[in-house]
Amino acid sequence: MSASADATDAKSLGLRFLQSFWSGKLEEEGYPLCAPDARWTFQKTLHEPRVVPVREAVEFLVSALIGGFDPDSGYTVDVDNLIGEGDEAAIEYRAQGKTRSGEIYANNYLVRFTARDGKLVSIRPYFDTHLVSRLLFDLDRRKSPYEG
């Protein structure tokens, strides 16, 4: 699925942001879709503090989670559903791949997006954090980049 490069509704912006995340093109394609004060809300079990600037959240996710995949095989993503109305959208997708330890990771995600004035202002993902902790990044032993 693809989104028009000039559409500014939450559904199009959200899909384009996710596509830039998955392809590693956040700097040139993803971050420009976000308002300067855009925030990412983590689930309680994943990160402290829970609400952080989008760029800081993504840097944590790339190092902690994406880094858990086998670099030779990577991961795949399939978008299942996109719904949106005006400034609100939800995108449901599945990600799977082989971890560095050789196990298969497969997780379902739902990401809520809010846009204002043609820019993303809020990103709120929901997924099985227990599976992430078990296969990609040990959440019980983590040290958040935000802790001293």
N, C-alpha and C. Protein backbone atom coordinates (compact mmCIF):
# COMPACT_ATOMS: atom_id res chain seq x y z
N MET A 1 0.85 -1.17 0.00
CA MET A 1 0.00 0.00 0.00
C MET A 1 0.89 1.23 0.00
N SER A 2 0.44 2.23 -0.71
CA SER A 2 1.21 3.46 -0.72
C SER A 2 0.28 4.63 -0.52
N ALA A 3 0.85 5.73 -0.09
CA ALA A 3 0.09 6.95 0.15
C ALA A 3 0.61 8.03 -0.77
N SER A 4 -0.28 8.91 -1.18
CA SER A 4 0.11 10.03 -2.01
C SER A 4 1.15 10.88 -1.28
N ALA A 5 2.21 11.25 -1.98
CA ALA A 5 3.30 12.00 -1.37
C ALA A 5 2.90 13.41 -0.95
N ASP A 6 1.76 13.90 -1.42
CA ASP A 6 1.37 15.26 -1.04
C ASP A 6 0.10 15.30 -0.18
N ALA A 7 -0.47 14.15 0.14
CA ALA A 7 -1.67 14.12 0.99
C ALA A 7 -1.28 14.46 2.43
N THR A 8 -2.15 15.23 3.10
CA THR A 8 -1.84 15.67 4.46
C THR A 8 -2.86 15.20 5.49
N ASP A 9 -3.71 14.24 5.13
CA ASP A 9 -4.62 13.66 6.12
C ASP A 9 -3.84 12.69 6.99
N ALA A 10 -4.34 12.39 8.17
CA ALA A 10 -3.62 11.55 9.14
C ALA A 10 -3.32 10.16 8.59
N LYS A 11 -4.23 9.58 7.83
CA LYS A 11 -4.01 8.24 7.29
C LYS A 11 -2.82 8.23 6.33
N SER A 12 -2.77 9.17 5.42
CA SER A 12 -1.66 9.24 4.46
C SER A 12 -0.34 9.58 5.15
N LEU A 13 -0.38 10.54 6.06
CA LEU A 13 0.83 10.91 6.80
C LEU A 13 1.34 9.73 7.62
N GLY A 14 0.43 9.04 8.31
CA GLY A 14 0.83 7.91 9.14
C GLY A 14 1.46 6.79 8.33
N LEU A 15 0.84 6.45 7.20
CA LEU A 15 1.40 5.39 6.37
C LEU A 15 2.76 5.79 5.82
N ARG A 16 2.90 7.01 5.35
CA ARG A 16 4.20 7.47 4.84
C ARG A 16 5.26 7.47 5.94
N PHE A 17 4.87 7.84 7.18
CA PHE A 17 5.82 7.82 8.28
C PHE A 17 6.29 6.38 8.55
N LEU A 18 5.34 5.45 8.63
CA LEU A 18 5.71 4.05 8.87
C LEU A 18 6.59 3.50 7.75
N GLN A 19 6.25 3.82 6.51
CA GLN A 19 7.06 3.35 5.39
C GLN A 19 8.49 3.88 5.48
N SER A 20 8.65 5.12 5.93
CA SER A 20 9.99 5.68 6.08
C SER A 20 10.74 5.00 7.22
N PHE A 21 10.01 4.64 8.28
CA PHE A 21 10.60 3.92 9.41
C PHE A 21 11.10 2.55 8.97
N TRP A 22 10.24 1.82 8.26
CA TRP A 22 10.59 0.47 7.81
C TRP A 22 11.75 0.48 6.82
N SER A 23 11.84 1.51 5.99
CA SER A 23 12.88 1.56 4.96
C SER A 23 14.15 2.25 5.43
N GLY A 24 14.14 2.80 6.64
CA GLY A 24 15.32 3.49 7.16
C GLY A 24 15.53 4.87 6.55
N LYS A 25 14.45 5.48 6.06
CA LYS A 25 14.56 6.80 5.42
C LYS A 25 13.84 7.88 6.23
N LEU A 26 13.96 7.79 7.54
CA LEU A 26 13.26 8.73 8.42
C LEU A 26 13.75 10.16 8.23
N GLU A 27 15.03 10.33 8.12
CA GLU A 27 15.60 11.68 8.05
C GLU A 27 15.04 12.45 6.86
N GLU A 28 15.04 11.81 5.70
CA GLU A 28 14.59 12.50 4.49
C GLU A 28 13.09 12.41 4.25
N GLU A 29 12.43 11.36 4.74
CA GLU A 29 11.01 11.17 4.41
C GLU A 29 10.07 11.17 5.62
N GLY A 30 10.52 10.69 6.77
CA GLY A 30 9.63 10.53 7.92
C GLY A 30 9.53 11.74 8.83
N TYR A 31 10.67 12.22 9.29
CA TYR A 31 10.65 13.35 10.24
C TYR A 31 10.02 14.62 9.66
N PRO A 32 10.18 14.91 8.35
CA PRO A 32 9.52 16.10 7.80
C PRO A 32 7.99 16.04 7.87
N LEU A 33 7.41 14.85 8.09
CA LEU A 33 5.96 14.72 8.20
C LEU A 33 5.45 15.10 9.59
N CYS A 34 6.38 15.28 10.54
CA CYS A 34 6.02 15.53 11.94
C CYS A 34 6.14 17.01 12.30
N ALA A 35 5.22 17.46 13.12
CA ALA A 35 5.33 18.81 13.68
C ALA A 35 6.55 18.86 14.60
N PRO A 36 7.14 20.03 14.79
CA PRO A 36 8.31 20.13 15.66
C PRO A 36 8.07 19.61 17.08
N ASP A 37 6.85 19.71 17.56
CA ASP A 37 6.54 19.26 18.93
C ASP A 37 5.81 17.92 18.96
N ALA A 38 5.91 17.14 17.87
CA ALA A 38 5.23 15.84 17.80
C ALA A 38 5.74 14.92 18.90
N ARG A 39 4.82 14.14 19.46
CA ARG A 39 5.15 13.25 20.58
C ARG A 39 4.80 11.80 20.25
N TRP A 40 5.59 10.89 20.82
CA TRP A 40 5.41 9.45 20.72
C TRP A 40 5.03 8.97 22.11
N THR A 41 3.98 8.15 22.22
CA THR A 41 3.57 7.60 23.51
C THR A 41 3.89 6.11 23.53
N PHE A 42 4.78 5.71 24.45
CA PHE A 42 5.14 4.31 24.63
C PHE A 42 4.13 3.64 25.54
N GLN A 43 3.97 2.33 25.38
CA GLN A 43 3.20 1.54 26.32
C GLN A 43 3.96 1.48 27.64
N LYS A 44 3.23 1.32 28.72
CA LYS A 44 3.83 1.37 30.05
C LYS A 44 5.00 0.41 30.23
N THR A 45 4.94 -0.76 29.65
CA THR A 45 5.98 -1.75 29.87
C THR A 45 7.21 -1.55 28.99
N LEU A 46 7.19 -0.60 28.09
CA LEU A 46 8.27 -0.50 27.12
C LEU A 46 9.30 0.57 27.43
N HIS A 47 8.93 1.66 28.01
CA HIS A 47 9.86 2.77 28.07
C HIS A 47 9.43 3.78 29.11
N GLU A 48 10.38 4.41 29.74
CA GLU A 48 10.13 5.55 30.62
C GLU A 48 11.04 6.68 30.20
N PRO A 49 10.61 7.90 30.09
CA PRO A 49 9.22 8.32 30.28
C PRO A 49 8.35 7.84 29.13
N ARG A 50 7.07 7.85 29.34
CA ARG A 50 6.13 7.31 28.36
C ARG A 50 5.94 8.21 27.15
N VAL A 51 5.92 9.52 27.31
CA VAL A 51 5.68 10.44 26.20
C VAL A 51 6.96 11.22 25.94
N VAL A 52 7.47 11.07 24.72
CA VAL A 52 8.73 11.70 24.36
C VAL A 52 8.64 12.28 22.95
N PRO A 53 9.57 13.16 22.58
CA PRO A 53 9.60 13.64 21.19
C PRO A 53 9.77 12.46 20.22
N VAL A 54 9.16 12.57 19.06
CA VAL A 54 9.17 11.47 18.08
C VAL A 54 10.60 11.05 17.73
N ARG A 55 11.47 11.99 17.45
CA ARG A 55 12.84 11.64 17.05
C ARG A 55 13.54 10.81 18.14
N GLU A 56 13.39 11.20 19.40
CA GLU A 56 14.03 10.46 20.49
C GLU A 56 13.44 9.06 20.61
N ALA A 57 12.14 8.93 20.44
CA ALA A 57 11.50 7.62 20.52
C ALA A 57 12.01 6.71 19.41
N VAL A 58 12.09 7.22 18.21
CA VAL A 58 12.51 6.41 17.08
C VAL A 58 13.97 6.00 17.23
N GLU A 59 14.81 6.89 17.72
CA GLU A 59 16.21 6.52 17.93
C GLU A 59 16.32 5.37 18.93
N PHE A 60 15.52 5.41 20.01
CA PHE A 60 15.49 4.31 20.97
C PHE A 60 15.02 3.03 20.30
N LEU A 61 13.94 3.10 19.52
CA LEU A 61 13.39 1.90 18.88
C LEU A 61 14.35 1.29 17.88
N VAL A 62 15.00 2.12 17.11
CA VAL A 62 15.94 1.60 16.11
C VAL A 62 17.10 0.88 16.80
N SER A 63 17.64 1.47 17.85
CA SER A 63 18.79 0.84 18.52
C SER A 63 18.36 -0.37 19.34
N ALA A 64 17.25 -0.27 20.06
CA ALA A 64 16.86 -1.34 20.98
C ALA A 64 16.10 -2.47 20.30
N LEU A 65 15.20 -2.13 19.40
CA LEU A 65 14.33 -3.16 18.83
C LEU A 65 14.76 -3.61 17.44
N ILE A 66 14.90 -2.67 16.53
CA ILE A 66 15.27 -3.04 15.16
C ILE A 66 16.64 -3.72 15.18
N GLY A 67 17.50 -3.30 16.09
CA GLY A 67 18.81 -3.92 16.23
C GLY A 67 18.76 -5.37 16.67
N GLY A 68 17.61 -5.84 17.14
CA GLY A 68 17.46 -7.22 17.57
C GLY A 68 17.24 -8.20 16.43
N PHE A 69 16.98 -7.67 15.22
CA PHE A 69 16.79 -8.54 14.06
C PHE A 69 18.12 -8.94 13.47
N ASP A 70 18.14 -10.12 12.86
CA ASP A 70 19.32 -10.59 12.15
C ASP A 70 19.59 -9.64 10.99
N PRO A 71 20.75 -9.00 10.96
CA PRO A 71 20.99 -8.00 9.91
C PRO A 71 21.04 -8.59 8.49
N ASP A 72 21.32 -9.88 8.38
CA ASP A 72 21.37 -10.49 7.06
C ASP A 72 20.00 -10.79 6.48
N SER A 73 19.01 -11.03 7.35
CA SER A 73 17.68 -11.37 6.84
C SER A 73 16.66 -10.28 7.07
N GLY A 74 16.90 -9.35 8.01
CA GLY A 74 16.00 -8.23 8.24
C GLY A 74 14.62 -8.67 8.69
N TYR A 75 13.62 -7.91 8.26
CA TYR A 75 12.24 -8.21 8.64
C TYR A 75 11.30 -7.74 7.53
N THR A 76 10.08 -8.26 7.54
CA THR A 76 9.08 -7.86 6.56
C THR A 76 7.87 -7.28 7.29
N VAL A 77 7.13 -6.47 6.57
CA VAL A 77 5.94 -5.82 7.13
C VAL A 77 4.81 -5.96 6.13
N ASP A 78 3.63 -6.32 6.65
CA ASP A 78 2.42 -6.37 5.82
C ASP A 78 1.36 -5.51 6.48
N VAL A 79 0.87 -4.51 5.74
CA VAL A 79 -0.19 -3.65 6.24
C VAL A 79 -1.52 -4.35 6.00
N ASP A 80 -2.32 -4.46 7.07
CA ASP A 80 -3.60 -5.15 6.99
C ASP A 80 -4.78 -4.20 6.85
N ASN A 81 -4.78 -3.12 7.62
CA ASN A 81 -5.91 -2.19 7.61
C ASN A 81 -5.44 -0.77 7.83
N LEU A 82 -6.10 0.15 7.14
CA LEU A 82 -5.90 1.57 7.35
C LEU A 82 -7.28 2.19 7.48
N ILE A 83 -7.49 2.92 8.56
CA ILE A 83 -8.73 3.66 8.68
C ILE A 83 -8.39 5.06 9.13
N GLY A 84 -9.16 6.00 8.68
CA GLY A 84 -8.88 7.37 9.07
C GLY A 84 -10.02 8.28 8.73
N GLU A 85 -10.12 9.30 9.52
CA GLU A 85 -11.10 10.34 9.28
C GLU A 85 -10.48 11.65 9.72
N GLY A 86 -10.20 12.51 8.75
CA GLY A 86 -9.63 13.81 9.08
C GLY A 86 -8.30 13.71 9.78
N ASP A 87 -8.25 14.22 11.00
CA ASP A 87 -6.99 14.30 11.76
C ASP A 87 -6.65 13.05 12.55
N GLU A 88 -7.47 12.00 12.48
CA GLU A 88 -7.23 10.77 13.24
C GLU A 88 -7.13 9.58 12.29
N ALA A 89 -6.19 8.66 12.60
CA ALA A 89 -6.04 7.46 11.78
C ALA A 89 -5.53 6.31 12.64
N ALA A 90 -5.76 5.09 12.15
CA ALA A 90 -5.24 3.88 12.76
C ALA A 90 -4.73 2.98 11.64
N ILE A 91 -3.53 2.45 11.83
CA ILE A 91 -2.94 1.56 10.85
C ILE A 91 -2.56 0.26 11.56
N GLU A 92 -3.06 -0.85 11.01
CA GLU A 92 -2.78 -2.17 11.58
C GLU A 92 -1.85 -2.91 10.63
N TYR A 93 -0.78 -3.47 11.20
CA TYR A 93 0.16 -4.22 10.36
C TYR A 93 0.80 -5.36 11.13
N ARG A 94 1.47 -6.24 10.39
CA ARG A 94 2.20 -7.37 10.96
C ARG A 94 3.66 -7.24 10.56
N ALA A 95 4.54 -7.49 11.52
CA ALA A 95 5.98 -7.50 11.23
C ALA A 95 6.53 -8.86 11.62
N GLN A 96 7.43 -9.36 10.81
CA GLN A 96 8.06 -10.63 11.15
C GLN A 96 9.47 -10.67 10.59
N GLY A 97 10.29 -11.47 11.24
CA GLY A 97 11.66 -11.62 10.80
C GLY A 97 12.40 -12.57 11.72
N LYS A 98 13.65 -12.80 11.39
CA LYS A 98 14.50 -13.66 12.21
C LYS A 98 15.33 -12.78 13.14
N THR A 99 15.39 -13.16 14.40
CA THR A 99 16.17 -12.40 15.37
C THR A 99 17.64 -12.78 15.27
N ARG A 100 18.46 -12.01 15.95
CA ARG A 100 19.90 -12.30 15.98
C ARG A 100 20.18 -13.68 16.56
N SER A 101 19.29 -14.16 17.44
CA SER A 101 19.48 -15.49 18.03
C SER A 101 18.89 -16.61 17.17
N GLY A 102 18.30 -16.26 16.03
CA GLY A 102 17.78 -17.25 15.11
C GLY A 102 16.31 -17.60 15.29
N GLU A 103 15.65 -17.00 16.28
CA GLU A 103 14.23 -17.26 16.49
C GLU A 103 13.38 -16.42 15.53
N ILE A 104 12.18 -16.90 15.26
CA ILE A 104 11.26 -16.17 14.40
C ILE A 104 10.42 -15.23 15.26
N TYR A 105 10.39 -13.98 14.86
CA TYR A 105 9.59 -12.94 15.52
C TYR A 105 8.42 -12.62 14.60
N ALA A 106 7.22 -12.62 15.15
CA ALA A 106 6.03 -12.22 14.39
C ALA A 106 5.11 -11.52 15.37
N ASN A 107 4.79 -10.26 15.09
CA ASN A 107 3.99 -9.47 16.02
C ASN A 107 2.98 -8.64 15.23
N ASN A 108 1.84 -8.39 15.84
CA ASN A 108 0.81 -7.52 15.26
C ASN A 108 0.91 -6.15 15.91
N TYR A 109 0.71 -5.13 15.12
CA TYR A 109 0.81 -3.75 15.59
C TYR A 109 -0.44 -2.97 15.19
N LEU A 110 -0.79 -2.03 16.03
CA LEU A 110 -1.81 -1.03 15.70
C LEU A 110 -1.22 0.30 16.12
N VAL A 111 -1.15 1.23 15.19
CA VAL A 111 -0.59 2.55 15.50
C VAL A 111 -1.65 3.60 15.25
N ARG A 112 -1.88 4.42 16.26
CA ARG A 112 -2.81 5.55 16.16
C ARG A 112 -2.01 6.81 15.86
N PHE A 113 -2.53 7.60 14.94
CA PHE A 113 -1.89 8.85 14.53
C PHE A 113 -2.88 10.00 14.69
N THR A 114 -2.37 11.14 15.11
CA THR A 114 -3.14 12.39 15.12
C THR A 114 -2.34 13.41 14.33
N ALA A 115 -3.02 14.12 13.45
CA ALA A 115 -2.38 15.16 12.65
C ALA A 115 -3.09 16.49 12.90
N ARG A 116 -2.34 17.56 12.77
CA ARG A 116 -2.88 18.92 12.85
C ARG A 116 -2.15 19.76 11.81
N ASP A 117 -2.89 20.52 11.07
CA ASP A 117 -2.30 21.43 10.07
C ASP A 117 -1.34 20.71 9.12
N GLY A 118 -1.68 19.47 8.74
CA GLY A 118 -0.90 18.74 7.76
C GLY A 118 0.36 18.09 8.27
N LYS A 119 0.52 18.00 9.60
CA LYS A 119 1.70 17.37 10.20
C LYS A 119 1.26 16.42 11.29
N LEU A 120 2.02 15.35 11.51
CA LEU A 120 1.74 14.43 12.61
C LEU A 120 2.12 15.10 13.93
N VAL A 121 1.22 15.00 14.92
CA VAL A 121 1.50 15.57 16.24
C VAL A 121 1.53 14.50 17.33
N SER A 122 0.98 13.31 17.04
CA SER A 122 0.95 12.24 18.04
C SER A 122 1.00 10.89 17.35
N ILE A 123 1.89 10.00 17.88
CA ILE A 123 2.02 8.64 17.39
C ILE A 123 1.93 7.73 18.61
N ARG A 124 0.98 6.77 18.56
CA ARG A 124 0.73 5.90 19.71
C ARG A 124 0.62 4.44 19.25
N PRO A 125 1.72 3.68 19.33
CA PRO A 125 1.69 2.28 18.88
C PRO A 125 1.26 1.32 20.00
N TYR A 126 0.60 0.24 19.58
CA TYR A 126 0.16 -0.82 20.49
C TYR A 126 0.58 -2.16 19.90
N PHE A 127 1.22 -3.00 20.73
CA PHE A 127 1.69 -4.30 20.26
C PHE A 127 2.05 -5.14 21.47
N ASP A 128 2.42 -6.40 21.24
CA ASP A 128 2.75 -7.34 22.30
C ASP A 128 4.17 -7.04 22.81
N THR A 129 4.26 -6.28 23.89
CA THR A 129 5.57 -5.92 24.43
C THR A 129 6.27 -7.12 25.07
N HIS A 130 5.49 -8.10 25.54
CA HIS A 130 6.11 -9.30 26.11
C HIS A 130 6.91 -10.04 25.04
N LEU A 131 6.34 -10.15 23.86
CA LEU A 131 7.04 -10.82 22.76
C LEU A 131 8.31 -10.04 22.39
N VAL A 132 8.21 -8.72 22.33
CA VAL A 132 9.38 -7.90 22.05
C VAL A 132 10.46 -8.16 23.09
N SER A 133 10.07 -8.18 24.36
CA SER A 133 11.02 -8.38 25.45
C SER A 133 11.68 -9.76 25.37
N ARG A 134 10.91 -10.75 25.00
CA ARG A 134 11.43 -12.11 24.95
C ARG A 134 12.37 -12.33 23.76
N LEU A 135 12.06 -11.71 22.62
CA LEU A 135 12.82 -12.03 21.41
C LEU A 135 13.77 -10.94 20.92
N LEU A 136 13.47 -9.67 21.17
CA LEU A 136 14.29 -8.61 20.58
C LEU A 136 15.09 -7.79 21.58
N PHE A 137 14.47 -7.45 22.70
CA PHE A 137 15.10 -6.51 23.62
C PHE A 137 14.59 -6.79 25.01
N ASP A 138 15.46 -7.16 25.92
CA ASP A 138 15.06 -7.53 27.27
C ASP A 138 14.62 -6.29 28.04
N LEU A 139 13.31 -6.10 28.14
CA LEU A 139 12.76 -4.91 28.78
C LEU A 139 13.03 -4.88 30.28
N ASP A 140 13.16 -6.06 30.88
CA ASP A 140 13.43 -6.11 32.31
C ASP A 140 14.85 -5.66 32.64
N ARG A 141 15.76 -5.75 31.68
CA ARG A 141 17.15 -5.40 31.93
C ARG A 141 17.55 -4.11 31.20
N ARG A 142 16.59 -3.45 30.62
CA ARG A 142 16.89 -2.27 29.81
C ARG A 142 17.42 -1.12 30.66
N LYS A 143 18.13 -0.28 30.00
CA LYS A 143 18.48 1.00 30.56
C LYS A 143 18.04 2.01 29.53
N SER A 144 17.02 2.72 29.83
CA SER A 144 16.49 3.70 28.92
C SER A 144 17.51 4.80 28.70
N PRO A 145 17.58 5.35 27.50
CA PRO A 145 18.48 6.47 27.26
C PRO A 145 18.06 7.70 28.06
N TYR A 146 16.89 7.65 28.69
CA TYR A 146 16.39 8.78 29.46
C TYR A 146 16.70 8.65 30.93
N GLU A 147 17.27 7.51 31.35
CA GLU A 147 17.61 7.32 32.75
C GLU A 147 19.05 7.78 32.97
N GLY A 148 19.34 8.25 34.15
CA GLY A 148 20.68 8.76 34.45
C GLY A 148 21.72 7.72 34.61
